[in-house]
Amino acid sequence: MMTQAIISVVAFVLLLAMAPWAVRALKQRAGGLGAATVAGAAPRVVSALAVGPQQRVVTVEVGPESARVWLVLGVTTQTITNLHSTAAPGFAQAAAVAAANAGHSQPPAERTDFRGEGDARG
C-alpha cells in the first residue's frame, strides 16, 4: 500500500519536471512567438499614458517592417478601443518621439528664484 503511494508521488513529480520541456518542444514545433519576431511583425509599445486608475491611452506599432502602423488605443479593464491609426513615422522621427516622451528632447528648465530684489537673505 505504501509502495503504491510512493510510486504515484514519484510519477507526479516526474510529470511536473517534464512539463517545461514539453512546452518548449511544442513552441518550437508550432513556430511560437519567435516567428513573429523574426518576420519583424512583433508589436511594440511606443507610449502609454494613464488617464485614470484603470484607464490608459496606449500607442502601439504593429505590422510588417515595410508597412508599420501606429494604433492609438483606449485600454480599460473591460475593453480595448481603437481611437486612431496612422502610418508609423520613419526611424528618425520615431527616435525623436521616443526622446520627447522620455523628456530628453528638452533641456531642463532653469530654476526660477522668486525672491525680491530687496530680500536680505543671501
PDB file of N, CA and C in Angstrom:
ATOM      1  N   MET A   1       0.821  -1.183   0.000  1.00  0.00           N
ATOM      2  CA  MET A   1       0.000   0.000   0.000  1.00  0.00           C
ATOM      3  C   MET A   1       0.873   1.257   0.000  1.00  0.00           C
ATOM      4  N   MET A   2       1.902   1.266   0.827  1.00  0.00           N
ATOM      5  CA  MET A   2       2.802   2.409   0.918  1.00  0.00           C
ATOM      6  C   MET A   2       3.615   2.551  -0.355  1.00  0.00           C
ATOM      7  N   THR A   3       3.999   1.452  -0.962  1.00  0.00           N
ATOM      8  CA  THR A   3       4.790   1.472  -2.194  1.00  0.00           C
ATOM      9  C   THR A   3       3.994   2.103  -3.332  1.00  0.00           C
ATOM     10  N   GLN A   4       2.712   1.802  -3.392  1.00  0.00           N
ATOM     11  CA  GLN A   4       1.870   2.365  -4.442  1.00  0.00           C
ATOM     12  C   GLN A   4       1.771   3.887  -4.295  1.00  0.00           C
ATOM     13  N   ALA A   5       1.698   4.404  -3.083  1.00  0.00           N
ATOM     14  CA  ALA A   5       1.632   5.843  -2.844  1.00  0.00           C
ATOM     15  C   ALA A   5       2.946   6.519  -3.244  1.00  0.00           C
ATOM     16  N   ILE A   6       4.058   5.895  -2.917  1.00  0.00           N
ATOM     17  CA  ILE A   6       5.369   6.456  -3.271  1.00  0.00           C
ATOM     18  C   ILE A   6       5.538   6.484  -4.788  1.00  0.00           C
ATOM     19  N   ILE A   7       5.116   5.435  -5.464  1.00  0.00           N
ATOM     20  CA  ILE A   7       5.215   5.396  -6.926  1.00  0.00           C
ATOM     21  C   ILE A   7       4.351   6.489  -7.542  1.00  0.00           C
ATOM     22  N   SER A   8       3.178   6.718  -7.001  1.00  0.00           N
ATOM     23  CA  SER A   8       2.289   7.770  -7.507  1.00  0.00           C
ATOM     24  C   SER A   8       2.916   9.150  -7.324  1.00  0.00           C
ATOM     25  N   VAL A   9       3.521   9.405  -6.186  1.00  0.00           N
ATOM     26  CA  VAL A   9       4.163  10.694  -5.925  1.00  0.00           C
ATOM     27  C   VAL A   9       5.354  10.900  -6.855  1.00  0.00           C
ATOM     28  N   VAL A  10       6.173   9.877  -7.031  1.00  0.00           N
ATOM     29  CA  VAL A  10       7.335   9.968  -7.913  1.00  0.00           C
ATOM     30  C   VAL A  10       6.883  10.222  -9.350  1.00  0.00           C
ATOM     31  N   ALA A  11       5.840   9.527  -9.797  1.00  0.00           N
ATOM     32  CA  ALA A  11       5.324   9.733 -11.158  1.00  0.00           C
ATOM     33  C   ALA A  11       4.810  11.169 -11.322  1.00  0.00           C
ATOM     34  N   PHE A  12       4.145  11.697 -10.339  1.00  0.00           N
ATOM     35  CA  PHE A  12       3.624  13.060 -10.400  1.00  0.00           C
ATOM     36  C   PHE A  12       4.768  14.078 -10.460  1.00  0.00           C
ATOM     37  N   VAL A  13       5.809  13.894  -9.655  1.00  0.00           N
ATOM     38  CA  VAL A  13       6.956  14.800  -9.660  1.00  0.00           C
ATOM     39  C   VAL A  13       7.668  14.744 -11.013  1.00  0.00           C
ATOM     40  N   LEU A  14       7.819  13.566 -11.577  1.00  0.00           N
ATOM     41  CA  LEU A  14       8.435  13.445 -12.902  1.00  0.00           C
ATOM     42  C   LEU A  14       7.593  14.133 -13.972  1.00  0.00           C
ATOM     43  N   LEU A  15       6.295  14.005 -13.873  1.00  0.00           N
ATOM     44  CA  LEU A  15       5.396  14.677 -14.817  1.00  0.00           C
ATOM     45  C   LEU A  15       5.551  16.196 -14.726  1.00  0.00           C
ATOM     46  N   LEU A  16       5.640  16.721 -13.512  1.00  0.00           N
ATOM     47  CA  LEU A  16       5.837  18.165 -13.330  1.00  0.00           C
ATOM     48  C   LEU A  16       7.199  18.612 -13.857  1.00  0.00           C
ATOM     49  N   ALA A  17       8.211  17.794 -13.684  1.00  0.00           N
ATOM     50  CA  ALA A  17       9.552  18.136 -14.151  1.00  0.00           C
ATOM     51  C   ALA A  17       9.622  18.140 -15.677  1.00  0.00           C
ATOM     52  N   MET A  18       8.828  17.320 -16.340  1.00  0.00           N
ATOM     53  CA  MET A  18       8.847  17.243 -17.796  1.00  0.00           C
ATOM     54  C   MET A  18       7.967  18.308 -18.458  1.00  0.00           C
ATOM     55  N   ALA A  19       7.100  18.973 -17.714  1.00  0.00           N
ATOM     56  CA  ALA A  19       6.176  19.955 -18.292  1.00  0.00           C
ATOM     57  C   ALA A  19       6.901  21.105 -19.010  1.00  0.00           C
ATOM     58  N   PRO A  20       7.924  21.739 -18.431  1.00  0.00           N
ATOM     59  CA  PRO A  20       8.605  22.817 -19.159  1.00  0.00           C
ATOM     60  C   PRO A  20       9.261  22.332 -20.461  1.00  0.00           C
ATOM     61  N   TRP A  21       9.832  21.143 -20.427  1.00  0.00           N
ATOM     62  CA  TRP A  21      10.441  20.598 -21.635  1.00  0.00           C
ATOM     63  C   TRP A  21       9.384  20.397 -22.722  1.00  0.00           C
ATOM     64  N   ALA A  22       8.214  19.883 -22.349  1.00  0.00           N
ATOM     65  CA  ALA A  22       7.144  19.642 -23.316  1.00  0.00           C
ATOM     66  C   ALA A  22       6.630  20.955 -23.904  1.00  0.00           C
ATOM     67  N   VAL A  23       6.480  21.981 -23.080  1.00  0.00           N
ATOM     68  CA  VAL A  23       6.020  23.281 -23.573  1.00  0.00           C
ATOM     69  C   VAL A  23       7.036  23.855 -24.553  1.00  0.00           C
ATOM     70  N   ARG A  24       8.317  23.772 -24.236  1.00  0.00           N
ATOM     71  CA  ARG A  24       9.374  24.274 -25.116  1.00  0.00           C
ATOM     72  C   ARG A  24       9.356  23.520 -26.453  1.00  0.00           C
ATOM     73  N   ALA A  25       9.184  22.215 -26.402  1.00  0.00           N
ATOM     74  CA  ALA A  25       9.154  21.406 -27.631  1.00  0.00           C
ATOM     75  C   ALA A  25       7.944  21.777 -28.493  1.00  0.00           C
ATOM     76  N   LEU A  26       6.794  21.992 -27.876  1.00  0.00           N
ATOM     77  CA  LEU A  26       5.599  22.375 -28.632  1.00  0.00           C
ATOM     78  C   LEU A  26       5.749  23.758 -29.253  1.00  0.00           C
ATOM     79  N   LYS A  27       6.385  24.692 -28.534  1.00  0.00           N
ATOM     80  CA  LYS A  27       6.606  26.030 -29.091  1.00  0.00           C
ATOM     81  C   LYS A  27       7.503  25.970 -30.316  1.00  0.00           C
ATOM     82  N   GLN A  28       8.561  25.172 -30.250  1.00  0.00           N
ATOM     83  CA  GLN A  28       9.484  25.079 -31.379  1.00  0.00           C
ATOM     84  C   GLN A  28       8.817  24.421 -32.580  1.00  0.00           C
ATOM     85  N   ARG A  29       7.990  23.439 -32.354  1.00  0.00           N
ATOM     86  CA  ARG A  29       7.330  22.750 -33.457  1.00  0.00           C
ATOM     87  C   ARG A  29       6.271  23.641 -34.106  1.00  0.00           C
ATOM     88  N   ALA A  30       5.538  24.421 -33.316  1.00  0.00           N
ATOM     89  CA  ALA A  30       4.460  25.258 -33.836  1.00  0.00           C
ATOM     90  C   ALA A  30       4.952  26.619 -34.317  1.00  0.00           C
ATOM     91  N   GLY A  31       6.196  26.944 -34.104  1.00  0.00           N
ATOM     92  CA  GLY A  31       6.699  28.255 -34.509  1.00  0.00           C
ATOM     93  C   GLY A  31       6.690  29.223 -33.350  1.00  0.00           C
ATOM     94  N   GLY A  32       5.716  29.156 -32.496  1.00  0.00           N
ATOM     95  CA  GLY A  32       5.644  30.009 -31.308  1.00  0.00           C
ATOM     96  C   GLY A  32       5.692  31.485 -31.622  1.00  0.00           C
ATOM     97  N   LEU A  33       6.112  32.284 -30.667  1.00  0.00           N
ATOM     98  CA  LEU A  33       6.213  33.725 -30.846  1.00  0.00           C
ATOM     99  C   LEU A  33       7.477  34.115 -31.589  1.00  0.00           C
ATOM    100  N   GLY A  34       8.428  33.209 -31.697  1.00  0.00           N
ATOM    101  CA  GLY A  34       9.673  33.517 -32.374  1.00  0.00           C
ATOM    102  C   GLY A  34       9.481  33.841 -33.847  1.00  0.00           C
ATOM    103  N   ALA A  35       8.487  33.259 -34.501  1.00  0.00           N
ATOM    104  CA  ALA A  35       8.252  33.502 -35.920  1.00  0.00           C
ATOM    105  C   ALA A  35       7.846  34.948 -36.162  1.00  0.00           C
ATOM    106  N   ALA A  36       7.037  35.525 -35.275  1.00  0.00           N
ATOM    107  CA  ALA A  36       6.619  36.912 -35.436  1.00  0.00           C
ATOM    108  C   ALA A  36       7.794  37.860 -35.247  1.00  0.00           C
ATOM    109  N   THR A  37       8.688  37.549 -34.344  1.00  0.00           N
ATOM    110  CA  THR A  37       9.849  38.398 -34.101  1.00  0.00           C
ATOM    111  C   THR A  37      10.800  38.363 -35.280  1.00  0.00           C
ATOM    112  N   VAL A  38      11.037  37.198 -35.858  1.00  0.00           N
ATOM    113  CA  VAL A  38      11.942  37.078 -36.992  1.00  0.00           C
ATOM    114  C   VAL A  38      11.393  37.829 -38.192  1.00  0.00           C
ATOM    115  N   ALA A  39      10.098  37.767 -38.415  1.00  0.00           N
ATOM    116  CA  ALA A  39       9.479  38.419 -39.562  1.00  0.00           C
ATOM    117  C   ALA A  39       9.360  39.926 -39.358  1.00  0.00           C
ATOM    118  N   GLY A  40       9.657  40.432 -38.169  1.00  0.00           N
ATOM    119  CA  GLY A  40       9.567  41.862 -37.903  1.00  0.00           C
ATOM    120  C   GLY A  40       8.151  42.324 -37.632  1.00  0.00           C
ATOM    121  N   ALA A  41       7.251  41.410 -37.363  1.00  0.00           N
ATOM    122  CA  ALA A  41       5.858  41.762 -37.162  1.00  0.00           C
ATOM    123  C   ALA A  41       5.491  41.864 -35.686  1.00  0.00           C
ATOM    124  N   ALA A  42       6.463  41.814 -34.801  1.00  0.00           N
ATOM    125  CA  ALA A  42       6.169  41.880 -33.373  1.00  0.00           C
ATOM    126  C   ALA A  42       5.683  43.277 -33.014  1.00  0.00           C
ATOM    127  N   PRO A  43       4.601  43.386 -32.260  1.00  0.00           N
ATOM    128  CA  PRO A  43       4.123  44.709 -31.858  1.00  0.00           C
ATOM    129  C   PRO A  43       5.080  45.364 -30.866  1.00  0.00           C
ATOM    130  N   ARG A  44       5.079  46.704 -30.865  1.00  0.00           N
ATOM    131  CA  ARG A  44       5.965  47.452 -29.969  1.00  0.00           C
ATOM    132  C   ARG A  44       5.159  48.585 -29.349  1.00  0.00           C
ATOM    133  N   VAL A  45       5.203  48.722 -28.037  1.00  0.00           N
ATOM    134  CA  VAL A  45       4.517  49.808 -27.349  1.00  0.00           C
ATOM    135  C   VAL A  45       5.379  51.061 -27.494  1.00  0.00           C
ATOM    136  N   VAL A  46       4.824  52.108 -28.117  1.00  0.00           N
ATOM    137  CA  VAL A  46       5.547  53.353 -28.334  1.00  0.00           C
ATOM    138  C   VAL A  46       5.410  54.246 -27.113  1.00  0.00           C
ATOM    139  N   SER A  47       4.190  54.370 -26.581  1.00  0.00           N
ATOM    140  CA  SER A  47       3.979  55.178 -25.381  1.00  0.00           C
ATOM    141  C   SER A  47       2.711  54.714 -24.686  1.00  0.00           C
ATOM    142  N   ALA A  48       2.598  55.069 -23.407  1.00  0.00           N
ATOM    143  CA  ALA A  48       1.409  54.748 -22.621  1.00  0.00           C
ATOM    144  C   ALA A  48       1.169  55.886 -21.645  1.00  0.00           C
ATOM    145  N   LEU A  49      -0.081  56.274 -21.518  1.00  0.00           N
ATOM    146  CA  LEU A  49      -0.443  57.380 -20.641  1.00  0.00           C
ATOM    147  C   LEU A  49      -1.635  56.967 -19.803  1.00  0.00           C
ATOM    148  N   ALA A  50      -1.500  57.022 -18.484  1.00  0.00           N
ATOM    149  CA  ALA A  50      -2.607  56.699 -17.594  1.00  0.00           C
ATOM    150  C   ALA A  50      -3.533  57.912 -17.521  1.00  0.00           C
ATOM    151  N   VAL A  51      -4.808  57.694 -17.809  1.00  0.00           N
ATOM    152  CA  VAL A  51      -5.784  58.779 -17.736  1.00  0.00           C
ATOM    153  C   VAL A  51      -6.770  58.561 -16.592  1.00  0.00           C
ATOM    154  N   GLY A  52      -6.627  57.483 -15.890  1.00  0.00           N
ATOM    155  CA  GLY A  52      -7.471  57.176 -14.750  1.00  0.00           C
ATOM    156  C   GLY A  52      -6.872  55.997 -14.012  1.00  0.00           C
ATOM    157  N   PRO A  53      -7.504  55.558 -12.917  1.00  0.00           N
ATOM    158  CA  PRO A  53      -6.944  54.460 -12.145  1.00  0.00           C
ATOM    159  C   PRO A  53      -6.807  53.163 -12.948  1.00  0.00           C
ATOM    160  N   GLN A  54      -7.731  52.919 -13.880  1.00  0.00           N
ATOM    161  CA  GLN A  54      -7.664  51.690 -14.663  1.00  0.00           C
ATOM    162  C   GLN A  54      -7.867  51.955 -16.153  1.00  0.00           C
ATOM    163  N   GLN A  55      -7.594  53.189 -16.591  1.00  0.00           N
ATOM    164  CA  GLN A  55      -7.719  53.546 -17.995  1.00  0.00           C
ATOM    165  C   GLN A  55      -6.399  54.091 -18.506  1.00  0.00           C
ATOM    166  N   ARG A  56      -6.024  53.687 -19.722  1.00  0.00           N
ATOM    167  CA  ARG A  56      -4.783  54.146 -20.346  1.00  0.00           C
ATOM    168  C   ARG A  56      -5.039  54.444 -21.811  1.00  0.00           C
ATOM    169  N   VAL A  57      -4.234  55.353 -22.337  1.00  0.00           N
ATOM    170  CA  VAL A  57      -4.157  55.564 -23.775  1.00  0.00           C
ATOM    171  C   VAL A  57      -2.783  55.062 -24.180  1.00  0.00           C
ATOM    172  N   VAL A  58      -2.756  54.078 -25.070  1.00  0.00           N
ATOM    173  CA  VAL A  58      -1.515  53.402 -25.443  1.00  0.00           C
ATOM    174  C   VAL A  58      -1.315  53.522 -26.956  1.00  0.00           C
ATOM    175  N   THR A  59      -0.097  53.862 -27.366  1.00  0.00           N
ATOM    176  CA  THR A  59       0.255  53.874 -28.779  1.00  0.00           C
ATOM    177  C   THR A  59       1.107  52.642 -29.053  1.00  0.00           C
ATOM    178  N   VAL A  60       0.658  51.832 -30.017  1.00  0.00           N
ATOM    179  CA  VAL A  60       1.319  50.572 -30.334  1.00  0.00           C
ATOM    180  C   VAL A  60       1.696  50.573 -31.816  1.00  0.00           C
ATOM    181  N   GLU A  61       2.909  50.105 -32.130  1.00  0.00           N
ATOM    182  CA  GLU A  61       3.359  49.981 -33.510  1.00  0.00           C
ATOM    183  C   GLU A  61       3.219  48.525 -33.925  1.00  0.00           C
ATOM    184  N   VAL A  62       2.481  48.274 -35.004  1.00  0.00           N
ATOM    185  CA  VAL A  62       2.220  46.910 -35.463  1.00  0.00           C
ATOM    186  C   VAL A  62       2.440  46.809 -36.963  1.00  0.00           C
ATOM    187  N   GLY A  63       2.491  45.584 -37.466  1.00  0.00           N
ATOM    188  CA  GLY A  63       2.588  45.337 -38.902  1.00  0.00           C
ATOM    189  C   GLY A  63       3.985  44.940 -39.329  1.00  0.00           C
ATOM    190  N   PRO A  64       4.120  44.536 -40.601  1.00  0.00           N
ATOM    191  CA  PRO A  64       5.439  44.156 -41.117  1.00  0.00           C
ATOM    192  C   PRO A  64       6.333  45.385 -41.259  1.00  0.00           C
ATOM    193  N   GLU A  65       7.645  45.158 -41.347  1.00  0.00           N
ATOM    194  CA  GLU A  65       8.620  46.262 -41.418  1.00  0.00           C
ATOM    195  C   GLU A  65       8.310  47.237 -42.547  1.00  0.00           C
ATOM    196  N   SER A  66       7.817  46.761 -43.665  1.00  0.00           N
ATOM    197  CA  SER A  66       7.585  47.625 -44.819  1.00  0.00           C
ATOM    198  C   SER A  66       6.328  48.478 -44.678  1.00  0.00           C
ATOM    199  N   ALA A  67       5.441  48.140 -43.767  1.00  0.00           N
ATOM    200  CA  ALA A  67       4.184  48.887 -43.631  1.00  0.00           C
ATOM    201  C   ALA A  67       3.764  48.963 -42.166  1.00  0.00           C
ATOM    202  N   ARG A  68       4.612  49.548 -41.327  1.00  0.00           N
ATOM    203  CA  ARG A  68       4.288  49.672 -39.903  1.00  0.00           C
ATOM    204  C   ARG A  68       3.174  50.692 -39.701  1.00  0.00           C
ATOM    205  N   VAL A  69       2.307  50.445 -38.741  1.00  0.00           N
ATOM    206  CA  VAL A  69       1.182  51.319 -38.430  1.00  0.00           C
ATOM    207  C   VAL A  69       1.165  51.578 -36.934  1.00  0.00           C
ATOM    208  N   TRP A  70       0.874  52.816 -36.547  1.00  0.00           N
ATOM    209  CA  TRP A  70       0.692  53.157 -35.139  1.00  0.00           C
ATOM    210  C   TRP A  70      -0.800  53.144 -34.834  1.00  0.00           C
ATOM    211  N   LEU A  71      -1.180  52.424 -33.793  1.00  0.00           N
ATOM    212  CA  LEU A  71      -2.556  52.396 -33.313  1.00  0.00           C
ATOM    213  C   LEU A  71      -2.604  53.116 -31.970  1.00  0.00           C
ATOM    214  N   VAL A  72      -3.504  54.064 -31.838  1.00  0.00           N
ATOM    215  CA  VAL A  72      -3.734  54.717 -30.553  1.00  0.00           C
ATOM    216  C   VAL A  72      -4.947  54.022 -29.953  1.00  0.00           C
ATOM    217  N   LEU A  73      -4.732  53.352 -28.824  1.00  0.00           N
ATOM    218  CA  LEU A  73      -5.753  52.510 -28.225  1.00  0.00           C
ATOM    219  C   LEU A  73      -6.176  53.044 -26.873  1.00  0.00           C
ATOM    220  N   GLY A  74      -7.474  53.005 -26.611  1.00  0.00           N
ATOM    221  CA  GLY A  74      -8.002  53.264 -25.283  1.00  0.00           C
ATOM    222  C   GLY A  74      -8.138  51.925 -24.580  1.00  0.00           C
ATOM    223  N   VAL A  75      -7.454  51.764 -23.450  1.00  0.00           N
ATOM    224  CA  VAL A  75      -7.415  50.465 -22.767  1.00  0.00           C
ATOM    225  C   VAL A  75      -8.024  50.604 -21.384  1.00  0.00           C
ATOM    226  N   THR A  76      -9.023  49.786 -21.107  1.00  0.00           N
ATOM    227  CA  THR A  76      -9.613  49.703 -19.767  1.00  0.00           C
ATOM    228  C   THR A  76      -9.533  48.242 -19.328  1.00  0.00           C
ATOM    229  N   THR A  77     -10.063  47.957 -18.147  1.00  0.00           N
ATOM    230  CA  THR A  77     -10.046  46.572 -17.676  1.00  0.00           C
ATOM    231  C   THR A  77     -11.015  45.708 -18.467  1.00  0.00           C
ATOM    232  N   GLN A  78     -12.005  46.315 -19.116  1.00  0.00           N
ATOM    233  CA  GLN A  78     -13.021  45.558 -19.842  1.00  0.00           C
ATOM    234  C   GLN A  78     -12.825  45.536 -21.353  1.00  0.00           C
ATOM    235  N   THR A  79     -12.295  46.644 -21.936  1.00  0.00           N
ATOM    236  CA  THR A  79     -12.241  46.737 -23.392  1.00  0.00           C
ATOM    237  C   THR A  79     -10.954  47.390 -23.874  1.00  0.00           C
ATOM    238  N   ILE A  80     -10.684  47.195 -25.150  1.00  0.00           N
ATOM    239  CA  ILE A  80      -9.630  47.909 -25.868  1.00  0.00           C
ATOM    240  C   ILE A  80     -10.298  48.522 -27.086  1.00  0.00           C
ATOM    241  N   THR A  81     -10.203  49.854 -27.227  1.00  0.00           N
ATOM    242  CA  THR A  81     -10.862  50.567 -28.309  1.00  0.00           C
ATOM    243  C   THR A  81      -9.818  51.252 -29.176  1.00  0.00           C
ATOM    244  N   ASN A  82      -9.934  51.107 -30.501  1.00  0.00           N
ATOM    245  CA  ASN A  82      -9.042  51.784 -31.424  1.00  0.00           C
ATOM    246  C   ASN A  82      -9.507  53.234 -31.557  1.00  0.00           C
ATOM    247  N   LEU A  83      -8.713  54.182 -31.042  1.00  0.00           N
ATOM    248  CA  LEU A  83      -9.070  55.587 -31.098  1.00  0.00           C
ATOM    249  C   LEU A  83      -8.601  56.240 -32.390  1.00  0.00           C
ATOM    250  N   HIS A  84      -7.443  55.797 -32.903  1.00  0.00           N
ATOM    251  CA  HIS A  84      -6.886  56.384 -34.122  1.00  0.00           C
ATOM    252  C   HIS A  84      -5.813  55.453 -34.672  1.00  0.00           C
ATOM    253  N   SER A  85      -5.598  55.482 -35.978  1.00  0.00           N
ATOM    254  CA  SER A  85      -4.498  54.738 -36.578  1.00  0.00           C
ATOM    255  C   SER A  85      -3.847  55.601 -37.645  1.00  0.00           C
ATOM    256  N   THR A  86      -2.520  55.472 -37.783  1.00  0.00           N
ATOM    257  CA  THR A  86      -1.768  56.244 -38.757  1.00  0.00           C
ATOM    258  C   THR A  86      -0.523  55.467 -39.157  1.00  0.00           C
ATOM    259  N   ALA A  87       0.026  55.812 -40.306  1.00  0.00           N
ATOM    260  CA  ALA A  87       1.270  55.171 -40.732  1.00  0.00           C
ATOM    261  C   ALA A  87       2.377  55.558 -39.753  1.00  0.00           C
ATOM    262  N   ALA A  88       3.216  54.595 -39.432  1.00  0.00           N
ATOM    263  CA  ALA A  88       4.302  54.855 -38.483  1.00  0.00           C
ATOM    264  C   ALA A  88       5.324  55.786 -39.115  1.00  0.00           C
ATOM    265  N   PRO A  89       5.842  56.744 -38.351  1.00  0.00           N
ATOM    266  CA  PRO A  89       6.884  57.614 -38.889  1.00  0.00           C
ATOM    267  C   PRO A  89       8.175  56.831 -39.105  1.00  0.00           C
ATOM    268  N   GLY A  90       9.114  57.432 -39.836  1.00  0.00           N
ATOM    269  CA  GLY A  90      10.401  56.787 -40.083  1.00  0.00           C
ATOM    270  C   GLY A  90      11.188  56.611 -38.806  1.00  0.00           C
ATOM    271  N   PHE A  91      12.325  55.967 -38.897  1.00  0.00           N
ATOM    272  CA  PHE A  91      13.135  55.659 -37.718  1.00  0.00           C
ATOM    273  C   PHE A  91      13.568  56.930 -37.000  1.00  0.00           C
ATOM    274  N   ALA A  92      14.011  57.958 -37.742  1.00  0.00           N
ATOM    275  CA  ALA A  92      14.475  59.196 -37.116  1.00  0.00           C
ATOM    276  C   ALA A  92      13.329  59.898 -36.391  1.00  0.00           C
ATOM    277  N   GLN A  93      12.154  59.904 -37.003  1.00  0.00           N
ATOM    278  CA  GLN A  93      11.005  60.521 -36.356  1.00  0.00           C
ATOM    279  C   GLN A  93      10.593  59.739 -35.116  1.00  0.00           C
ATOM    280  N   ALA A  94      10.638  58.425 -35.198  1.00  0.00           N
ATOM    281  CA  ALA A  94      10.272  57.606 -34.041  1.00  0.00           C
ATOM    282  C   ALA A  94      11.245  57.834 -32.888  1.00  0.00           C
ATOM    283  N   ALA A  95      12.531  57.980 -33.206  1.00  0.00           N
ATOM    284  CA  ALA A  95      13.519  58.238 -32.157  1.00  0.00           C
ATOM    285  C   ALA A  95      13.263  59.591 -31.507  1.00  0.00           C
ATOM    286  N   ALA A  96      12.889  60.591 -32.300  1.00  0.00           N
ATOM    287  CA  ALA A  96      12.587  61.916 -31.750  1.00  0.00           C
ATOM    288  C   ALA A  96      11.351  61.865 -30.861  1.00  0.00           C
ATOM    289  N   VAL A  97      10.335  61.107 -31.282  1.00  0.00           N
ATOM    290  CA  VAL A  97       9.123  60.969 -30.470  1.00  0.00           C
ATOM    291  C   VAL A  97       9.439  60.254 -29.166  1.00  0.00           C
ATOM    292  N   ALA A  98      10.233  59.188 -29.239  1.00  0.00           N
ATOM    293  CA  ALA A  98      10.597  58.449 -28.031  1.00  0.00           C
ATOM    294  C   ALA A  98      11.394  59.330 -27.081  1.00  0.00           C
ATOM    295  N   ALA A  99      12.305  60.148 -27.627  1.00  0.00           N
ATOM    296  CA  ALA A  99      13.091  61.046 -26.783  1.00  0.00           C
ATOM    297  C   ALA A  99      12.189  62.093 -26.142  1.00  0.00           C
ATOM    298  N   ALA A 100      11.223  62.597 -26.895  1.00  0.00           N
ATOM    299  CA  ALA A 100      10.302  63.593 -26.347  1.00  0.00           C
ATOM    300  C   ALA A 100       9.454  62.987 -25.238  1.00  0.00           C
ATOM    301  N   ASN A 101       9.026  61.735 -25.417  1.00  0.00           N
ATOM    302  CA  ASN A 101       8.221  61.068 -24.396  1.00  0.00           C
ATOM    303  C   ASN A 101       9.036  60.821 -23.138  1.00  0.00           C
ATOM    304  N   ALA A 102      10.334  60.576 -23.301  1.00  0.00           N
ATOM    305  CA  ALA A 102      11.188  60.313 -22.146  1.00  0.00           C
ATOM    306  C   ALA A 102      11.646  61.608 -21.480  1.00  0.00           C
ATOM    307  N   GLY A 103      11.384  62.753 -22.117  1.00  0.00           N
ATOM    308  CA  GLY A 103      11.770  64.030 -21.532  1.00  0.00           C
ATOM    309  C   GLY A 103      13.200  64.422 -21.832  1.00  0.00           C
ATOM    310  N   HIS A 104      13.864  63.745 -22.789  1.00  0.00           N
ATOM    311  CA  HIS A 104      15.256  64.040 -23.090  1.00  0.00           C
ATOM    312  C   HIS A 104      15.416  65.078 -24.196  1.00  0.00           C
ATOM    313  N   SER A 105      14.340  65.401 -24.905  1.00  0.00           N
ATOM    314  CA  SER A 105      14.492  66.287 -26.051  1.00  0.00           C
ATOM    315  C   SER A 105      14.582  67.754 -25.636  1.00  0.00           C
ATOM    316  N   GLN A 106      14.178  68.082 -24.422  1.00  0.00           N
ATOM    317  CA  GLN A 106      14.219  69.467 -23.970  1.00  0.00           C
ATOM    318  C   GLN A 106      15.235  69.602 -22.852  1.00  0.00           C
ATOM    319  N   PRO A 107      15.979  70.698 -22.824  1.00  0.00           N
ATOM    320  CA  PRO A 107      16.905  70.891 -21.716  1.00  0.00           C
ATOM    321  C   PRO A 107      16.116  71.108 -20.426  1.00  0.00           C
ATOM    322  N   PRO A 108      16.702  70.808 -19.289  1.00  0.00           N
ATOM    323  CA  PRO A 108      15.984  71.003 -18.038  1.00  0.00           C
ATOM    324  C   PRO A 108      15.669  72.485 -17.830  1.00  0.00           C
ATOM    325  N   ALA A 109      14.500  72.740 -17.270  1.00  0.00           N
ATOM    326  CA  ALA A 109      14.076  74.122 -17.045  1.00  0.00           C
ATOM    327  C   ALA A 109      14.992  74.792 -16.023  1.00  0.00           C
ATOM    328  N   GLU A 110      15.266  76.069 -16.252  1.00  0.00           N
ATOM    329  CA  GLU A 110      16.113  76.796 -15.315  1.00  0.00           C
ATOM    330  C   GLU A 110      15.335  77.062 -14.037  1.00  0.00           C
ATOM    331  N   ARG A 111      16.044  77.124 -12.953  1.00  0.00           N
ATOM    332  CA  ARG A 111      15.427  77.362 -11.663  1.00  0.00           C
ATOM    333  C   ARG A 111      15.015  78.819 -11.574  1.00  0.00           C
ATOM    334  N   THR A 112      13.799  79.044 -11.167  1.00  0.00           N
ATOM    335  CA  THR A 112      13.296  80.403 -11.029  1.00  0.00           C
ATOM    336  C   THR A 112      13.386  80.810  -9.573  1.00  0.00           C
ATOM    337  N   ASP A 113      13.978  81.966  -9.341  1.00  0.00           N
ATOM    338  CA  ASP A 113      14.109  82.483  -7.987  1.00  0.00           C
ATOM    339  C   ASP A 113      13.049  83.552  -7.793  1.00  0.00           C
ATOM    340  N   PHE A 114      12.152  83.333  -6.850  1.00  0.00           N
ATOM    341  CA  PHE A 114      11.051  84.250  -6.645  1.00  0.00           C
ATOM    342  C   PHE A 114      11.335  85.285  -5.561  1.00  0.00           C
ATOM    343  N   ARG A 115      12.552  85.316  -5.040  1.00  0.00           N
ATOM    344  CA  ARG A 115      12.859  86.295  -4.013  1.00  0.00           C
ATOM    345  C   ARG A 115      12.967  87.681  -4.655  1.00  0.00           C
ATOM    346  N   GLY A 116      12.505  88.641  -3.936  1.00  0.00           N
ATOM    347  CA  GLY A 116      12.559  90.009  -4.446  1.00  0.00           C
ATOM    348  C   GLY A 116      13.958  90.587  -4.362  1.00  0.00           C
ATOM    349  N   GLU A 117      14.164  91.742  -5.037  1.00  0.00           N
ATOM    350  CA  GLU A 117      15.477  92.392  -5.069  1.00  0.00           C
ATOM    351  C   GLU A 117      15.904  92.825  -3.671  1.00  0.00           C
ATOM    352  N   GLY A 118      14.963  93.267  -2.858  1.00  0.00           N
ATOM    353  CA  GLY A 118      15.314  93.800  -1.548  1.00  0.00           C
ATOM    354  C   GLY A 118      15.385  92.748  -0.462  1.00  0.00           C
ATOM    355  N   ASP A 119      15.331  91.480  -0.837  1.00  0.00           N
ATOM    356  CA  ASP A 119      15.373  90.403   0.165  1.00  0.00           C
ATOM    357  C   ASP A 119      16.765  90.339   0.784  1.00  0.00           C
ATOM    358  N   ALA A 120      16.842  90.339   2.086  1.00  0.00           N
ATOM    359  CA  ALA A 120      18.130  90.391   2.801  1.00  0.00           C
ATOM    360  C   ALA A 120      18.778  89.018   2.871  1.00  0.00           C
ATOM    361  N   ARG A 121      18.007  87.944   2.615  1.00  0.00           N
ATOM    362  CA  ARG A 121      18.615  86.606   2.696  1.00  0.00           C
ATOM    363  C   ARG A 121      19.551  86.421   1.509  1.00  0.00           C
ATOM    364  N   GLY A 122      20.752  85.969   1.758  1.00  0.00           N
ATOM    365  CA  GLY A 122      21.768  85.914   0.754  1.00  0.00           C
ATOM    366  C   GLY A 122      21.824  84.718  -0.026  1.00  0.00           C
TER     367      GLY A 122
END
